[in-house]
Amino acid sequence: MADQKKKIFVVDDDKMFCTMLSDHLEDKGGYEVSTFGTGEECLEQIDQKPDAIILDYYLDTNVPNAKNGLEILQIIHKTDPDLKVIMLSSQEHYGVALQTIASGAVYYVIKDLKSFQEIDSILEEL
């Protein structure tokens, strides 16, 4: 039986970061990555049953009235409480991290030079 690739959704309104993370994961092999610029686009595809979603905390910068990452996380958690969501943010505030974990995120990763390696280790555990 061939190894099944893990399906990963990356949701971030920063197109450059989204592309870099997607390329990084695909280069590692073992991942099938779909990227979305808004949480709403991700929710439209949630029936594809991703193994994990990497979700940016701030998503409402490019599209007027777009929901932020926390709102999207809450919708995802209601839709599928077992779906693994990794929150991603440049916010280093403990309160923000706590809020996302309380809303159902499994991890909170701060966007910095080590974030790709941190995401790698998290995905290997899932």
C-alpha atoms as a PDB file:
ATOM      1  CA  MET A   1       0.000   0.000   0.000  1.00  0.00           C
ATOM      2  CA  ALA A   2       1.434   3.392  -1.007  1.00  0.00           C
ATOM      3  CA  ASP A   3       1.812   5.994   1.680  1.00  0.00           C
ATOM      4  CA  GLN A   4      -1.112   8.352   1.671  1.00  0.00           C
ATOM      5  CA  LYS A   5      -0.083  12.004   1.488  1.00  0.00           C
ATOM      6  CA  LYS A   6      -1.403  14.176   4.302  1.00  0.00           C
ATOM      7  CA  LYS A   7      -3.806  16.808   3.025  1.00  0.00           C
ATOM      8  CA  ILE A   8      -2.874  20.203   4.459  1.00  0.00           C
ATOM      9  CA  PHE A   9      -4.776  23.471   4.054  1.00  0.00           C
ATOM     10  CA  VAL A  10      -2.783  26.687   4.466  1.00  0.00           C
ATOM     11  CA  VAL A  11      -4.953  29.752   5.081  1.00  0.00           C
ATOM     12  CA  ASP A  12      -3.151  33.092   5.072  1.00  0.00           C
ATOM     13  CA  ASP A  13      -3.865  36.425   3.396  1.00  0.00           C
ATOM     14  CA  ASP A  14      -0.107  36.991   3.004  1.00  0.00           C
ATOM     15  CA  LYS A  15       0.331  35.428  -0.452  1.00  0.00           C
ATOM     16  CA  MET A  16       4.136  35.362  -0.215  1.00  0.00           C
ATOM     17  CA  PHE A  17       4.123  33.538   3.133  1.00  0.00           C
ATOM     18  CA  CYS A  18       1.385  31.179   1.940  1.00  0.00           C
ATOM     19  CA  THR A  19       3.367  30.263  -1.180  1.00  0.00           C
ATOM     20  CA  MET A  20       6.633  29.848   0.728  1.00  0.00           C
ATOM     21  CA  LEU A  21       5.042  27.563   3.328  1.00  0.00           C
ATOM     22  CA  SER A  22       3.179  25.564   0.680  1.00  0.00           C
ATOM     23  CA  ASP A  23       6.374  25.098  -1.386  1.00  0.00           C
ATOM     24  CA  HIS A  24       8.305  24.148   1.744  1.00  0.00           C
ATOM     25  CA  LEU A  25       5.779  21.448   2.711  1.00  0.00           C
ATOM     26  CA  GLU A  26       5.462  20.055  -0.817  1.00  0.00           C
ATOM     27  CA  ASP A  27       9.282  19.926  -1.169  1.00  0.00           C
ATOM     28  CA  LYS A  28       9.432  17.761   1.976  1.00  0.00           C
ATOM     29  CA  GLY A  29       7.118  15.261   0.307  1.00  0.00           C
ATOM     30  CA  GLY A  30       4.263  13.496   2.047  1.00  0.00           C
ATOM     31  CA  TYR A  31       1.949  16.498   1.842  1.00  0.00           C
ATOM     32  CA  GLU A  32      -0.721  17.609  -0.575  1.00  0.00           C
ATOM     33  CA  VAL A  33      -1.137  21.326   0.093  1.00  0.00           C
ATOM     34  CA  SER A  34      -4.032  23.623  -0.803  1.00  0.00           C
ATOM     35  CA  THR A  35      -3.759  27.347  -0.110  1.00  0.00           C
ATOM     36  CA  PHE A  36      -6.503  29.860   0.597  1.00  0.00           C
ATOM     37  CA  GLY A  37      -6.397  33.645   0.944  1.00  0.00           C
ATOM     38  CA  THR A  38      -9.471  33.797   3.184  1.00  0.00           C
ATOM     39  CA  GLY A  39     -11.041  31.574   5.800  1.00  0.00           C
ATOM     40  CA  GLU A  40     -14.268  31.610   3.841  1.00  0.00           C
ATOM     41  CA  GLU A  41     -12.503  29.987   0.838  1.00  0.00           C
ATOM     42  CA  CYS A  42     -11.137  27.314   3.178  1.00  0.00           C
ATOM     43  CA  LEU A  43     -14.578  26.632   4.669  1.00  0.00           C
ATOM     44  CA  GLU A  44     -15.999  26.106   1.157  1.00  0.00           C
ATOM     45  CA  GLN A  45     -13.518  23.210   0.716  1.00  0.00           C
ATOM     46  CA  ILE A  46     -13.704  21.753   4.240  1.00  0.00           C
ATOM     47  CA  ASP A  47     -15.614  18.727   2.938  1.00  0.00           C
ATOM     48  CA  GLN A  48     -12.295  17.589   1.359  1.00  0.00           C
ATOM     49  CA  LYS A  49     -11.422  16.484   4.932  1.00  0.00           C
ATOM     50  CA  PRO A  50      -7.895  17.885   5.320  1.00  0.00           C
ATOM     51  CA  ASP A  51      -5.633  16.205   7.878  1.00  0.00           C
ATOM     52  CA  ALA A  52      -4.670  19.614   9.247  1.00  0.00           C
ATOM     53  CA  ILE A  53      -5.288  23.299   8.650  1.00  0.00           C
ATOM     54  CA  ILE A  54      -2.609  25.929   9.194  1.00  0.00           C
ATOM     55  CA  LEU A  55      -4.635  29.058   9.866  1.00  0.00           C
ATOM     56  CA  ASP A  56      -3.407  32.640  10.180  1.00  0.00           C
ATOM     57  CA  TYR A  57      -4.803  34.645  13.083  1.00  0.00           C
ATOM     58  CA  TYR A  58      -5.240  37.859  11.084  1.00  0.00           C
ATOM     59  CA  LEU A  59      -7.095  37.136   7.870  1.00  0.00           C
ATOM     60  CA  ASP A  60      -9.177  40.229   7.354  1.00  0.00           C
ATOM     61  CA  THR A  61      -6.616  42.589   5.816  1.00  0.00           C
ATOM     62  CA  ASN A  62      -7.156  42.081   2.069  1.00  0.00           C
ATOM     63  CA  VAL A  63     -10.865  41.313   1.739  1.00  0.00           C
ATOM     64  CA  PRO A  64     -13.424  43.654   3.302  1.00  0.00           C
ATOM     65  CA  ASN A  65     -15.641  41.927   5.897  1.00  0.00           C
ATOM     66  CA  ALA A  66     -13.579  38.726   5.808  1.00  0.00           C
ATOM     67  CA  LYS A  67     -13.679  36.825   9.093  1.00  0.00           C
ATOM     68  CA  ASN A  68     -10.495  36.707  11.149  1.00  0.00           C
ATOM     69  CA  GLY A  69      -8.678  33.481  11.972  1.00  0.00           C
ATOM     70  CA  LEU A  70     -10.272  33.099  15.392  1.00  0.00           C
ATOM     71  CA  GLU A  71     -13.789  33.319  13.914  1.00  0.00           C
ATOM     72  CA  ILE A  72     -12.860  30.779  11.215  1.00  0.00           C
ATOM     73  CA  LEU A  73     -11.306  28.500  13.857  1.00  0.00           C
ATOM     74  CA  GLN A  74     -14.550  28.536  15.850  1.00  0.00           C
ATOM     75  CA  ILE A  75     -16.588  27.625  12.740  1.00  0.00           C
ATOM     76  CA  ILE A  76     -14.149  24.813  11.849  1.00  0.00           C
ATOM     77  CA  HIS A  77     -14.278  23.479  15.412  1.00  0.00           C
ATOM     78  CA  LYS A  78     -18.108  23.431  15.360  1.00  0.00           C
ATOM     79  CA  THR A  79     -18.098  21.727  11.937  1.00  0.00           C
ATOM     80  CA  ASP A  80     -15.464  19.109  12.804  1.00  0.00           C
ATOM     81  CA  PRO A  81     -14.207  19.152  16.418  1.00  0.00           C
ATOM     82  CA  ASP A  82     -11.530  16.545  15.599  1.00  0.00           C
ATOM     83  CA  LEU A  83      -9.912  18.520  12.766  1.00  0.00           C
ATOM     84  CA  LYS A  84      -6.381  19.582  13.736  1.00  0.00           C
ATOM     85  CA  VAL A  85      -5.885  23.345  13.381  1.00  0.00           C
ATOM     86  CA  ILE A  86      -2.503  25.002  13.834  1.00  0.00           C
ATOM     87  CA  MET A  87      -2.880  28.737  14.444  1.00  0.00           C
ATOM     88  CA  LEU A  88      -0.220  30.949  12.975  1.00  0.00           C
ATOM     89  CA  SER A  89       0.400  34.540  13.962  1.00  0.00           C
ATOM     90  CA  SER A  90       3.013  37.216  14.348  1.00  0.00           C
ATOM     91  CA  GLN A  91       1.329  38.035  17.677  1.00  0.00           C
ATOM     92  CA  GLU A  92       3.486  37.008  20.614  1.00  0.00           C
ATOM     93  CA  HIS A  93       0.775  37.771  23.158  1.00  0.00           C
ATOM     94  CA  TYR A  94       0.060  34.945  25.579  1.00  0.00           C
ATOM     95  CA  GLY A  95      -3.625  35.936  25.679  1.00  0.00           C
ATOM     96  CA  VAL A  96      -4.001  35.533  21.919  1.00  0.00           C
ATOM     97  CA  ALA A  97      -2.397  32.081  22.024  1.00  0.00           C
ATOM     98  CA  LEU A  98      -4.586  31.046  24.930  1.00  0.00           C
ATOM     99  CA  GLN A  99      -7.713  32.300  23.153  1.00  0.00           C
ATOM    100  CA  THR A 100      -6.948  30.225  20.045  1.00  0.00           C
ATOM    101  CA  ILE A 101      -6.223  27.068  22.060  1.00  0.00           C
ATOM    102  CA  ALA A 102      -9.443  27.582  24.047  1.00  0.00           C
ATOM    103  CA  SER A 103     -11.297  27.826  20.722  1.00  0.00           C
ATOM    104  CA  GLY A 104      -9.974  24.474  19.516  1.00  0.00           C
ATOM    105  CA  ALA A 105      -6.531  25.023  17.968  1.00  0.00           C
ATOM    106  CA  VAL A 106      -4.055  22.230  18.718  1.00  0.00           C
ATOM    107  CA  TYR A 107      -0.981  24.469  18.431  1.00  0.00           C
ATOM    108  CA  TYR A 108      -0.091  28.153  18.225  1.00  0.00           C
ATOM    109  CA  VAL A 109       2.951  28.999  16.104  1.00  0.00           C
ATOM    110  CA  ILE A 110       4.538  32.436  16.005  1.00  0.00           C
ATOM    111  CA  LYS A 111       5.587  33.536  12.511  1.00  0.00           C
ATOM    112  CA  ASP A 112       9.344  33.889  12.622  1.00  0.00           C
ATOM    113  CA  LEU A 113      12.462  32.253  11.192  1.00  0.00           C
ATOM    114  CA  LYS A 114      11.761  29.008  13.073  1.00  0.00           C
ATOM    115  CA  SER A 115       8.065  28.699  12.209  1.00  0.00           C
ATOM    116  CA  PHE A 116       8.555  26.325   9.231  1.00  0.00           C
ATOM    117  CA  GLN A 117      10.604  23.898  11.340  1.00  0.00           C
ATOM    118  CA  GLU A 118       8.044  24.135  14.135  1.00  0.00           C
ATOM    119  CA  ILE A 119       5.218  23.365  11.678  1.00  0.00           C
ATOM    120  CA  ASP A 120       7.242  20.413  10.310  1.00  0.00           C
ATOM    121  CA  SER A 121       7.532  18.844  13.768  1.00  0.00           C
ATOM    122  CA  ILE A 122       3.857  19.431  14.565  1.00  0.00           C
ATOM    123  CA  LEU A 123       2.698  17.844  11.290  1.00  0.00           C
ATOM    124  CA  GLU A 124       4.942  14.831  11.881  1.00  0.00           C
ATOM    125  CA  GLU A 125       3.141  14.275  15.207  1.00  0.00           C
ATOM    126  CA  LEU A 126      -0.364  14.471  13.737  1.00  0.00           C
END
